[in-house]
Structure formats: structure tokens, C-alpha cells
Protein backbone atom coordinates (compact mmCIF):
# COMPACT_ATOMS: atom_id res chain seq x y z
CA UNK A 1 73.72 -35.31 -67.24
CA UNK A 2 70.82 -35.23 -64.63
CA UNK A 3 67.86 -34.13 -67.12
CA UNK A 4 69.30 -37.51 -69.24
CA UNK A 5 69.95 -39.39 -66.14
CA UNK A 6 66.10 -38.66 -65.32
CA UNK A 7 64.90 -40.19 -68.70
CA UNK A 8 67.09 -43.45 -68.25
CA UNK A 9 65.29 -43.90 -64.32
CA UNK A 10 61.97 -43.24 -66.21
CA UNK A 11 61.96 -45.53 -68.55
CA UNK A 12 63.31 -48.44 -66.58
CA UNK A 13 60.88 -47.43 -63.90
CA UNK A 14 58.36 -47.87 -66.26
CA UNK A 15 58.98 -50.95 -67.19
CA UNK A 16 59.34 -52.62 -63.58
CA UNK A 17 56.37 -51.04 -61.47
CA UNK A 18 54.00 -50.88 -64.53
CA UNK A 19 53.82 -53.83 -66.44
CA UNK A 20 55.76 -55.75 -63.57
CA UNK A 21 55.22 -54.47 -59.79
CA UNK A 22 51.35 -53.59 -60.36
CA UNK A 23 49.83 -56.87 -61.09
CA UNK A 24 52.12 -58.98 -59.24
CA UNK A 25 51.08 -56.63 -56.10
CA UNK A 26 47.41 -56.70 -57.01
CA UNK A 27 47.76 -60.55 -57.21
CA UNK A 28 49.27 -61.70 -54.60
CA UNK A 29 47.16 -59.76 -52.34
CA UNK A 30 44.48 -61.20 -53.73
CA UNK A 31 45.64 -64.29 -52.67
CA UNK A 32 46.09 -63.72 -49.76
CA UNK A 33 43.11 -62.59 -49.01
CA UNK A 34 41.39 -65.55 -49.90
CA UNK A 35 43.67 -67.67 -48.63
CA UNK A 36 43.34 -66.14 -44.71
CA UNK A 37 39.87 -66.48 -45.58
CA UNK A 38 40.06 -62.03 -45.31
CA UNK A 39 42.19 -61.58 -42.24
CA UNK A 40 42.29 -58.14 -42.20
CA UNK A 41 38.50 -57.63 -42.21
CA UNK A 42 36.92 -60.52 -40.44
CA UNK A 43 40.17 -59.64 -36.87
CA UNK A 44 39.73 -56.22 -37.54
CA UNK A 45 38.32 -55.60 -33.80
CA UNK A 46 41.13 -57.68 -32.92
CA UNK A 47 43.94 -55.40 -34.10
CA UNK A 48 42.77 -52.30 -32.34
CA UNK A 49 42.72 -54.42 -28.69
CA UNK A 50 46.10 -55.74 -29.15
CA UNK A 51 47.34 -52.15 -30.29
CA UNK A 52 45.74 -50.36 -27.22
CA UNK A 53 46.68 -53.28 -24.51
CA UNK A 54 50.26 -53.48 -26.26
CA UNK A 55 51.91 -50.84 -23.92
CA UNK A 56 55.42 -50.65 -22.52
CA UNK A 57 57.29 -52.74 -21.75
CA UNK A 58 60.84 -53.20 -19.14
CA UNK A 59 62.36 -54.51 -21.46
CA UNK A 60 63.03 -55.09 -25.22
CA UNK A 61 60.62 -53.23 -27.68
CA UNK A 62 57.18 -53.29 -27.18
CA UNK A 63 54.52 -53.86 -29.83
CA UNK A 64 53.09 -50.01 -29.68
CA UNK A 65 57.21 -48.72 -30.82
CA UNK A 66 57.93 -51.66 -33.41
CA UNK A 67 54.44 -50.40 -34.51
CA UNK A 68 55.69 -46.34 -34.32
CA UNK A 69 58.66 -47.32 -36.12
CA UNK A 70 56.72 -48.53 -38.79
CA UNK A 71 54.11 -46.03 -39.33
CA UNK A 72 57.05 -43.74 -38.81
CA UNK A 73 58.28 -44.90 -42.21
CA UNK A 74 54.76 -45.25 -43.55
CA UNK A 75 53.35 -41.90 -42.78
CA UNK A 76 55.66 -39.27 -44.27
CA UNK A 77 56.16 -38.28 -48.23
CA UNK A 78 53.55 -40.89 -49.46
CA UNK A 79 50.34 -39.38 -47.16
CA UNK A 80 51.47 -36.07 -48.84
CA UNK A 81 53.43 -35.15 -51.85
CA UNK A 82 53.06 -39.13 -53.05
CA UNK A 83 48.87 -38.85 -52.92
CA UNK A 84 49.17 -35.62 -54.56
CA UNK A 85 51.65 -37.00 -57.75
CA UNK A 86 49.21 -40.03 -57.74
CA UNK A 87 46.24 -37.64 -58.42
CA UNK A 88 47.94 -35.27 -60.14
CA UNK A 89 49.28 -38.15 -62.98
CA UNK A 90 46.23 -40.91 -62.53
CA UNK A 91 43.52 -38.74 -61.85
CA UNK A 92 40.93 -38.54 -58.98
CA UNK A 93 40.17 -42.22 -59.54
CA UNK A 94 44.19 -43.43 -58.49
CA UNK A 95 42.46 -43.11 -54.85
CA UNK A 96 40.39 -45.54 -55.02
CA UNK A 97 43.07 -47.86 -56.41
CA UNK A 98 45.07 -46.75 -53.23
CA UNK A 99 42.45 -47.53 -50.79
CA UNK A 100 42.05 -51.11 -52.97
CA UNK A 101 45.74 -52.21 -52.43
CA UNK A 102 45.54 -50.99 -48.73
CA UNK A 103 42.37 -53.17 -48.14
CA UNK A 104 43.30 -55.92 -49.39
CA UNK A 105 47.24 -55.10 -49.46
CA UNK A 106 46.63 -55.40 -45.36
CA UNK A 107 46.71 -59.16 -46.10
CA UNK A 108 50.27 -59.13 -47.09
CA UNK A 109 51.54 -57.17 -44.84
CA UNK A 110 49.81 -59.72 -41.93
CA UNK A 111 51.39 -62.66 -43.96
CA UNK A 112 55.28 -61.04 -44.14
CA UNK A 113 55.53 -59.63 -40.30
CA UNK A 114 53.79 -62.45 -38.65
CA UNK A 115 56.93 -64.76 -40.46
CA UNK A 116 59.28 -61.84 -39.87
CA UNK A 117 58.05 -62.59 -35.88
CA UNK A 118 58.56 -66.79 -36.62
CA UNK A 119 62.28 -66.50 -37.57
CA UNK A 120 63.49 -63.04 -35.52
CA UNK A 121 66.48 -63.75 -33.92
CA UNK A 122 67.92 -62.11 -31.02
CA UNK A 123 70.07 -58.76 -31.63
CA UNK A 124 72.61 -56.80 -29.86
CA UNK A 125 69.72 -54.40 -27.94
CA UNK A 126 66.10 -55.95 -28.93
CA UNK A 127 65.06 -58.63 -31.50
CA UNK A 128 66.27 -58.54 -35.32
CA UNK A 129 64.83 -59.90 -37.63
CA UNK A 130 62.92 -59.12 -41.25
CA UNK A 131 62.28 -60.67 -44.78
CA UNK A 132 66.20 -61.56 -45.22
CA UNK A 133 66.26 -63.41 -42.13
CA UNK A 134 62.97 -65.37 -42.56
CA UNK A 135 64.78 -66.32 -46.25
CA UNK A 136 67.44 -67.61 -44.97
CA UNK A 137 66.03 -69.72 -41.91
CA UNK A 138 62.83 -70.58 -43.04
CA UNK A 139 63.63 -71.10 -47.11
CA UNK A 140 67.40 -72.15 -46.46
CA UNK A 141 68.43 -69.71 -49.13
CA UNK A 142 71.68 -67.47 -48.32
CA UNK A 143 71.82 -65.72 -52.34
CA UNK A 144 68.63 -65.15 -52.30
CA UNK A 145 68.58 -63.40 -48.34
CA UNK A 146 71.23 -61.48 -49.12
CA UNK A 147 69.83 -60.44 -52.35
CA UNK A 148 66.96 -58.91 -50.65
CA UNK A 149 69.22 -56.69 -48.13
CA UNK A 150 70.90 -55.45 -50.53
CA UNK A 151 68.40 -54.02 -52.37
CA UNK A 152 66.11 -52.87 -49.10
CA UNK A 153 69.91 -51.06 -47.79
CA UNK A 154 69.78 -49.11 -51.49
CA UNK A 155 66.01 -48.50 -51.13
CA UNK A 156 65.29 -47.25 -48.11
CA UNK A 157 68.04 -45.78 -46.59
CA UNK A 158 69.09 -44.06 -50.39
CA UNK A 159 66.59 -44.38 -52.22
CA UNK A 160 63.62 -43.43 -50.58
CA UNK A 161 65.66 -41.16 -47.88
CA UNK A 162 66.22 -38.95 -50.78
CA UNK A 163 62.56 -38.68 -51.90
CA UNK A 164 61.87 -37.75 -47.72
CA UNK A 165 64.59 -34.36 -47.74
CA UNK A 166 63.79 -34.11 -51.71
CA UNK A 167 59.96 -33.54 -50.15
CA UNK A 168 61.06 -31.24 -46.89
CA UNK A 169 63.79 -29.21 -48.74
CA UNK A 170 60.09 -28.49 -51.37
CA UNK A 171 57.91 -27.29 -48.27
CA UNK A 172 60.62 -25.19 -46.49
CA UNK A 173 60.99 -23.98 -49.75
CA UNK A 174 57.72 -23.06 -50.78
CA UNK A 175 56.25 -21.69 -47.65
CA UNK A 176 59.08 -20.20 -45.25
CA UNK A 177 61.36 -19.05 -48.49
CA UNK A 178 64.76 -21.51 -47.09
CA UNK A 179 67.35 -22.61 -49.78
CA UNK A 180 66.90 -26.39 -50.76
CA UNK A 181 70.50 -26.94 -49.95
CA UNK A 182 70.48 -25.04 -46.39
CA UNK A 183 67.21 -27.66 -45.39
CA UNK A 184 69.51 -30.67 -46.64
CA UNK A 185 72.24 -30.20 -44.82
CA UNK A 186 70.32 -29.19 -41.54
CA UNK A 187 68.02 -32.81 -42.20
CA UNK A 188 71.22 -34.70 -43.02
CA UNK A 189 72.54 -33.47 -39.60
CA UNK A 190 69.79 -34.49 -37.42
CA UNK A 191 69.26 -37.72 -39.34
CA UNK A 192 72.67 -38.48 -38.37
CA UNK A 193 72.60 -37.42 -34.46
CA UNK A 194 69.78 -40.01 -33.94
CA UNK A 195 70.76 -43.15 -35.93
CA UNK A 196 73.85 -42.92 -34.89
CA UNK A 197 72.07 -44.13 -30.99
CA UNK A 198 70.42 -47.40 -32.58
CA UNK A 199 66.59 -48.71 -32.49
CA UNK A 200 65.88 -47.40 -29.00
CA UNK A 201 66.47 -44.06 -29.81
CA UNK A 202 64.32 -44.17 -33.00
CA UNK A 203 61.32 -46.13 -31.10
CA UNK A 204 61.79 -43.37 -28.49
CA UNK A 205 61.44 -40.62 -31.28
CA UNK A 206 58.53 -42.13 -32.89
CA UNK A 207 56.40 -43.02 -30.52
CA UNK A 208 57.01 -39.70 -29.24
CA UNK A 209 56.09 -37.40 -32.72
CA UNK A 210 53.96 -39.55 -34.78
CA UNK A 211 51.32 -39.71 -33.00
CA UNK A 212 51.20 -36.04 -32.65
CA UNK A 213 51.87 -34.88 -35.75
CA UNK A 214 49.23 -37.62 -37.27
CA UNK A 215 46.68 -36.17 -34.45
CA UNK A 216 47.31 -32.89 -35.85
CA UNK A 217 47.12 -33.32 -39.22
CA UNK A 218 44.52 -34.90 -38.66
CA UNK A 219 42.13 -32.35 -37.18
CA UNK A 220 43.73 -30.17 -40.37
CA UNK A 221 42.66 -32.52 -42.73
CA UNK A 222 38.93 -33.07 -40.78
CA UNK A 223 38.97 -28.77 -40.20
CA UNK A 224 39.16 -28.13 -44.39
CA UNK A 225 36.71 -31.13 -45.01
CA UNK A 226 34.37 -29.94 -42.80
CA UNK A 227 34.69 -26.42 -43.86
CA UNK A 228 34.44 -27.98 -47.74
CA UNK A 229 31.57 -30.22 -46.97
CA UNK A 230 29.21 -29.29 -49.26
CA UNK A 231 31.68 -30.60 -52.45
CA UNK A 232 32.30 -34.44 -50.45
CA UNK A 233 29.58 -36.06 -52.40
CA UNK A 234 31.11 -34.63 -55.43
CA UNK A 235 34.46 -35.71 -54.28
CA UNK A 236 33.39 -39.77 -53.61
CA UNK A 237 31.26 -38.91 -56.92
CA UNK A 238 34.37 -38.31 -58.83
CA UNK A 239 36.61 -40.36 -57.49
CA UNK A 240 34.60 -43.76 -58.73
CA UNK A 241 33.74 -42.01 -62.27
CA UNK A 242 37.41 -41.69 -63.02
CA UNK A 243 38.04 -45.45 -61.26
CA UNK A 244 35.57 -46.72 -63.70
CA UNK A 245 34.20 -44.17 -66.09
CA UNK A 246 33.26 -44.93 -69.44
CA UNK A 247 35.70 -41.60 -71.22
CA UNK A 248 38.70 -42.89 -68.55
CA UNK A 249 39.00 -46.90 -70.16
CA UNK A 250 38.39 -45.02 -73.53
CA UNK A 251 40.63 -42.47 -72.65
CA UNK A 252 44.04 -44.37 -71.39
CA UNK A 253 43.52 -42.99 -68.53
CA UNK A 254 41.97 -45.56 -65.83
CA UNK A 255 45.54 -48.01 -66.70
CA UNK A 256 46.62 -44.31 -65.58
CA UNK A 257 44.73 -44.13 -62.22
CA UNK A 258 45.22 -47.98 -61.44
CA UNK A 259 48.96 -48.04 -61.58
CA UNK A 260 49.52 -44.24 -60.01
CA UNK A 261 47.19 -45.47 -57.20
CA UNK A 262 48.81 -49.18 -56.91
CA UNK A 263 52.46 -47.24 -56.78
CA UNK A 264 52.04 -44.45 -54.41
CA UNK A 265 49.87 -46.38 -52.15
CA UNK A 266 52.79 -48.67 -51.72
CA UNK A 267 55.19 -46.27 -51.32
CA UNK A 268 52.93 -45.25 -48.46
CA UNK A 269 51.89 -48.01 -46.98
CA UNK A 270 54.62 -50.37 -47.75
CA UNK A 271 52.00 -53.65 -48.10
CA UNK A 272 54.29 -56.89 -49.59
CA UNK A 273 57.10 -54.47 -50.00
CA UNK A 274 59.76 -56.32 -47.64
CA UNK A 275 60.37 -53.06 -44.90
CA UNK A 276 57.52 -53.03 -41.66
CA UNK A 277 58.74 -56.67 -40.74
CA UNK A 278 62.12 -55.25 -40.17
CA UNK A 279 60.37 -53.28 -37.98
CA UNK A 280 57.66 -56.03 -36.66
CA UNK A 281 60.88 -58.52 -35.69
CA UNK A 282 61.88 -56.33 -32.94
CA UNK A 283 58.69 -55.80 -30.95
CA UNK A 284 58.73 -59.10 -27.96
CA UNK A 285 55.37 -61.10 -28.28
CA UNK A 286 53.59 -63.70 -27.04
CA UNK A 287 51.92 -64.80 -30.39
CA UNK A 288 53.40 -64.38 -34.04
CA UNK A 289 49.81 -63.39 -34.81
CA UNK A 290 49.86 -60.59 -32.70
CA UNK A 291 52.79 -58.69 -34.30
CA UNK A 292 50.95 -59.06 -37.79
CA UNK A 293 47.63 -58.05 -36.95
CA UNK A 294 49.40 -54.76 -35.67
CA UNK A 295 51.39 -54.27 -38.75
CA UNK A 296 48.07 -55.28 -40.98
CA UNK A 297 46.24 -52.26 -38.70
CA UNK A 298 48.94 -50.25 -39.93
CA UNK A 299 47.98 -50.12 -43.43
CA UNK A 300 44.50 -49.39 -42.76
CA UNK A 301 45.67 -45.62 -40.43
CA UNK A 302 48.14 -45.02 -43.20
CA UNK A 303 45.90 -45.13 -46.64
CA UNK A 304 42.24 -45.43 -45.64
CA UNK A 305 42.91 -42.72 -43.26
CA UNK A 306 45.46 -39.85 -43.38
CA UNK A 307 45.78 -40.55 -47.51
CA UNK A 308 42.29 -40.23 -47.58
CA UNK A 309 42.38 -36.82 -45.87
CA UNK A 310 44.79 -35.76 -48.21
CA UNK A 311 43.06 -37.23 -50.92
CA UNK A 312 39.78 -34.84 -50.21
CA UNK A 313 41.55 -31.85 -49.65
CA UNK A 314 43.03 -31.77 -52.84
CA UNK A 315 40.09 -32.93 -54.68
CA UNK A 316 37.48 -30.25 -52.84
CA UNK A 317 39.98 -27.71 -53.69
CA UNK A 318 40.06 -28.02 -57.81
CA UNK A 319 43.64 -27.62 -57.79
CA UNK A 320 45.09 -31.09 -59.80
CA UNK A 321 43.91 -30.13 -62.68
CA UNK A 322 45.87 -26.85 -62.99
CA UNK A 323 49.34 -28.51 -63.08
CA UNK A 324 50.92 -28.72 -59.43
CA UNK A 325 52.44 -31.67 -58.42
CA UNK A 326 54.23 -33.50 -55.42
CA UNK A 327 54.33 -31.66 -51.76
CA UNK A 328 53.22 -28.24 -53.39
CA UNK A 329 49.97 -29.78 -54.59
CA UNK A 330 48.81 -30.61 -51.03
CA UNK A 331 50.24 -26.97 -49.67
CA UNK A 332 48.40 -25.06 -52.62
CA UNK A 333 45.34 -26.91 -52.02
CA UNK A 334 45.42 -26.64 -48.24
CA UNK A 335 45.58 -23.00 -48.72
CA UNK A 336 42.38 -23.28 -51.04
CA UNK A 337 40.85 -24.86 -48.39
CA UNK A 338 40.94 -22.83 -45.36
CA UNK A 339 39.26 -20.02 -47.13
CA UNK A 340 38.73 -18.08 -44.72
CA UNK A 341 41.71 -15.90 -44.83
CA UNK A 342 43.59 -18.51 -42.30
CA UNK A 343 44.58 -19.96 -45.53
CA UNK A 344 48.56 -19.39 -44.82
CA UNK A 345 48.09 -21.31 -41.63
CA UNK A 346 47.16 -24.47 -43.05
CA UNK A 347 50.54 -24.33 -45.49
CA UNK A 348 52.88 -23.63 -42.73
CA UNK A 349 51.29 -26.46 -40.59
CA UNK A 350 51.44 -29.04 -43.49
CA UNK A 351 55.26 -27.35 -43.65
CA UNK A 352 55.99 -28.15 -40.26
CA UNK A 353 53.89 -32.00 -40.41
CA UNK A 354 55.53 -33.19 -43.67
CA UNK A 355 59.42 -32.06 -41.64
CA UNK A 356 58.12 -34.22 -38.80
CA UNK A 357 56.40 -36.92 -40.92
CA UNK A 358 59.65 -37.23 -43.66
CA UNK A 359 62.05 -37.08 -41.03
CA UNK A 360 60.25 -39.58 -39.23
CA UNK A 361 60.65 -41.71 -42.35
CA UNK A 362 63.87 -41.34 -42.38
CA UNK A 363 65.16 -42.38 -39.52
CA UNK A 364 63.08 -45.31 -39.34
CA UNK A 365 64.15 -46.04 -43.18
CA UNK A 366 67.66 -46.01 -41.58
CA UNK A 367 67.42 -48.69 -39.31
CA UNK A 368 65.99 -51.03 -41.83
CA UNK A 369 68.84 -50.61 -44.17
CA UNK A 370 70.71 -51.40 -40.77
CA UNK A 371 69.29 -54.27 -39.82
CA UNK A 372 69.87 -55.55 -43.17
CA UNK A 373 73.67 -54.59 -43.49
CA UNK A 374 74.21 -56.52 -40.43
CA UNK A 375 72.83 -59.35 -41.33
CA UNK A 376 74.92 -59.15 -44.50
CA UNK A 377 78.35 -58.25 -42.27
CA UNK A 378 77.68 -57.43 -38.49
CA UNK A 379 80.65 -55.07 -39.01
CA UNK A 380 80.53 -51.41 -36.96
CA UNK A 381 82.53 -49.92 -39.40
CA UNK A 382 80.89 -50.39 -42.36
CA UNK A 383 77.63 -49.47 -39.96
CA UNK A 384 79.65 -46.15 -39.62
CA UNK A 385 80.25 -45.57 -43.24
CA UNK A 386 76.96 -46.71 -44.22
CA UNK A 387 75.25 -43.65 -41.88
CA UNK A 388 77.67 -41.55 -43.60
CA UNK A 389 76.34 -42.29 -46.96
CA UNK A 390 73.14 -41.71 -46.02
CA UNK A 391 73.58 -38.40 -44.43
CA UNK A 392 75.34 -37.69 -47.91
CA UNK A 393 72.00 -38.88 -49.60
CA UNK A 394 69.28 -37.19 -47.65
CA UNK A 395 71.50 -34.09 -48.33
CA UNK A 396 71.78 -35.13 -52.08
CA UNK A 397 67.99 -35.92 -52.32
CA UNK A 398 67.46 -32.53 -50.56
CA UNK A 399 68.92 -30.06 -53.65
CA UNK A 400 67.79 -33.37 -56.78
CA UNK A 401 64.72 -32.83 -58.95
CA UNK A 402 61.34 -34.69 -58.01
CA UNK A 403 61.44 -36.50 -60.82
CA UNK A 404 64.51 -37.44 -60.19
CA UNK A 405 64.24 -39.26 -56.63
CA UNK A 406 60.85 -40.67 -57.77
CA UNK A 407 61.98 -42.43 -60.38
CA UNK A 408 65.11 -44.16 -58.71
CA UNK A 409 62.86 -44.74 -55.48
CA UNK A 410 60.51 -47.11 -57.77
CA UNK A 411 63.37 -48.71 -59.84
CA UNK A 412 64.20 -49.81 -56.35
CA UNK A 413 60.88 -50.41 -54.86
CA UNK A 414 60.06 -52.42 -57.16
CA UNK A 415 62.73 -55.23 -57.15
CA UNK A 416 63.15 -54.94 -53.39
CA UNK A 417 58.76 -55.73 -53.22
CA UNK A 418 59.08 -58.60 -55.95
CA UNK A 419 61.98 -60.15 -54.30
CA UNK A 420 59.79 -60.42 -50.66
CA UNK A 421 56.57 -61.72 -52.43
CA UNK A 422 58.14 -64.30 -54.05
CA UNK A 423 59.41 -65.48 -50.42
CA UNK A 424 56.10 -65.04 -48.66
CA UNK A 425 53.68 -66.98 -51.46
CA UNK A 426 56.78 -69.55 -50.79
CA UNK A 427 56.15 -69.78 -46.82
CA UNK A 428 52.57 -68.33 -46.62
CA UNK A 429 51.20 -71.58 -45.10
CA UNK A 430 53.16 -71.30 -41.55
CA UNK A 431 51.26 -67.78 -41.72
CA UNK A 432 48.07 -69.96 -42.02
CA UNK A 433 48.97 -72.45 -40.02
CA UNK A 434 49.74 -69.44 -37.13
CA UNK A 435 47.18 -68.05 -37.46
CA UNK A 436 44.77 -71.13 -37.06
CA UNK A 437 46.46 -72.12 -33.62
CA UNK A 438 45.94 -68.20 -32.04
CA UNK A 439 42.05 -68.56 -32.84
CA UNK A 440 41.52 -71.70 -31.83
CA UNK A 441 43.50 -70.11 -28.60
CA UNK A 442 41.10 -67.42 -28.45
CA UNK A 443 38.67 -69.83 -28.71
CA UNK A 444 39.29 -71.32 -25.66
CA UNK A 445 39.71 -68.00 -24.25
CA UNK A 446 43.40 -68.17 -23.36
CA UNK A 447 45.90 -65.52 -24.28
CA UNK A 448 47.54 -66.99 -27.28
CA UNK A 449 51.27 -68.75 -26.72
CA UNK A 450 53.22 -70.20 -29.38
CA UNK A 451 55.13 -73.17 -28.86
CA UNK A 452 57.53 -74.47 -31.07
CA UNK A 453 55.94 -78.07 -32.09
CA UNK A 454 52.79 -75.99 -33.67
CA UNK A 455 55.38 -76.14 -36.81
CA UNK A 456 57.55 -78.80 -35.10
CA UNK A 457 59.46 -79.11 -38.91
CA UNK A 458 60.77 -75.47 -38.22
CA UNK A 459 61.03 -75.69 -34.71
CA UNK A 460 65.45 -75.60 -34.77
CA UNK A 461 65.33 -73.19 -36.87
CA UNK A 462 63.03 -70.74 -34.73
CA UNK A 463 65.68 -69.18 -32.14
CA UNK A 464 63.15 -67.29 -30.48
CA UNK A 465 60.73 -69.08 -29.59
């Protein structure tokens, strides 16, 4: 039964993602890069400055906390297992296309997060917003907004969380021999404990765990790369040759590299997907562009730094040609990279890192689902039922096959992303106006403040400004 279901999901996912999602995603990213005059490049310094100055707030959610929640969702399975799968299936050239979708997709991330801030509303514990809200308020289309809300609730709360728990269970089994069922139960119980505390508990947990584990993983990755520094030039050449080489084009692996690079890049950095705007909307800022820039920086942090570290570890090891896939490939690659006899320590750390990365992704993913479920119907009983379903899916993902959970995730991710991209294309002009207003104020030496009169036509639909 599960084999048949896996085959069905794989067929549907191939159509949705390979032939629709990938070209739409690339074209949209290019369009916004041109429309916004390369904002993700020209204002990179401003992104860093804003993040450093964001800090904590005495009330509400700070820019950094919102950034941490979005990074918690981004930094997880996609960085360790997703990169491994992309290389195993698409070859080294997939890494180049992951870089491309990050560099270009940061523009899409800026637009969606800026719109989320513009159309956010006041919630119980913090501001609330995201694609469902800007579709309803910006376009006046409730059916469209509800469709997106349903898709993201299923995608993140159920599909993506099953992928995260699957990776945790696989890593624990590889490193410690712990049964997948036991790991699945533990992760499900811990997830339910955290998510019942709401966005404040989720943001506090994320801002503590994510930076610590990210720095720890980067230190391990840099150590492995330094130990294999003589292979780095060879790896860089391998990436570019496989991305554009004649043999790859003639052999058909060029398309596989592009598709896998874009798909797994999107799963990891979520640029244009419609997920991170839900976290971006919670922040208390003086101008929507501030959080838009900070969230664009998150795309770089995720893909250009963390995903690249994983890619170089795997390619330096050469193990991607031996049939390994997913988190197993990453663990074996680190064991091979630390060739001084301490390899098992590296693999163990990866297991611990993937536990925390994937676990924080689970709780951040849950929040995206809850925020959108409350958009559809703000009912506590419904939310409690949803929490239980999330717990069940976390358990189910831990015991299911890798191909089954990835197939399910690819289908729902494709539908949700296309729904969001259509919306931000329709409202992209607002991001252009806001960016112009922000840069004009900065040029005058001011700390930018947004006022409803900036875009008078929608002043009655932006309740928090």
C-alpha cells in the first residue's frame, strides 16, 4: 500500500514541481530582481545593520525574534538532508542552482515579507499576518486567501513536519541505534509541549537554540573543509562543470541538476513560498521594509552559508556517487571528512544538530499553520484538534519512508508556492513604493517611519499603520 502511495505522490510531484513550480519560481525571482533594481544586492549592508540593531523589545516580538522563527523553519532538514538529496539525485551541479535561487529569490522574499508587514493585524499575543492576510486585504479575495491558508496549514503543519521528524528518526537510528518509533513518539510529545505555548514560547525557544546550533554546525563544517582544503578547488570546478558542462547537457543530467537545485533550495530557504511572511508579520517595526530586508538576509544565511557548508562536506568526501541519500549521506560524509579517527564524533554532532534544527523547524512550521487556521476560523477547539493532528503527523513521518514524505511535501509545497507567487506578482507595486519611501527617508538621515498617507489608496486596509 505504501509503495503504491509513494509512486502516486512521486508522479504528481514531478508534474507540479518540475514542470510548473521551477520555471515560475525562477521567472518571478528574476522579475522582482529587475523591478526592485537588485535590492537584495544593493542593500545587503542595510540588512545586516538592521538585524544587529533589532535586539529585544519590552513588548511584542522583535525583528530578531521574528527572524529567528523564520530561520528555525528554514534551517533544518533542507540544509542537511535536502542538500544531500539534491546532490545525490541531481549531481554536484545542483549546488550551483541552489545558489542561484537564493541570490535571485531573496528579492521575492523581500516582497512577500514587506507585504506581510504592510497588511498585518493585531493578534492575541503579537501582530499576525502573512499571505492569507495580504491577499484578503490587498486584493479583496477571501476565497483565494482561504485557499492559501488551507494549503500552508497542510504543507507546514503536516507535510513538512513529517519530513523533519523522518530525518530526526533516521539520524537517531544511524548514530545511536534508537528505534524510529521511539524517536517519533518523543519528538511528537516534545513538539506538542512547545506548540501549546503559542508564538511567544516558540520565538523564545527559537532565538536560543537556532543561533547556538547554527554556529556549532558551521564550526564543524569549517573544520571538515579545512582538513580537506586541498580538495576545495576541485569541488568548485566540479560544481560549475556539472552545472553547465557539455556532457551534462547531452546526458540529460543538466535538467536534473537545475530541478533538484531549485526544489531543494526552495524547501530550505523558502523564498517566495509564502511561509516566512507569517513570521515577518509578527515583528514590531517602524517601517515594513525593515522586516522585508531582514527576512531577505535569512535566505542568504540559509543557503549561501549553511547549505553551502553541507554541500562542500559531501563533495569533498566523494560519497555522493556511492548510493547514499538524505541525512545518511551527510553523516557519512562528515565521518569521512574528519579522517583523523574522530569521525564518529562528527557524525554524532550532526545527529544532535539535526535533532535541534529539525525540532525547531517543527515548532516554527506549526506556528505557520496555526496562524492561518485562525485566519480561517479563530476557534480554540479547532486549534487544539489541529495540534493533535500535527502530533500524529510528526509521529507518522518518523516511521514512514523518505520517498513517501518527500513526495507529499513536494506536492503541497508546489501548490502553496504558486498560490503565493500569483498574489505577490499582483501586489508587487506596493513593495516598490515602500522601498522608494524607505530609501528616501534614509537618504535624508532619518530612521524610516511608515505612514498610511504613503499609499493613500490602501490606508483603510492597513490597520496597524
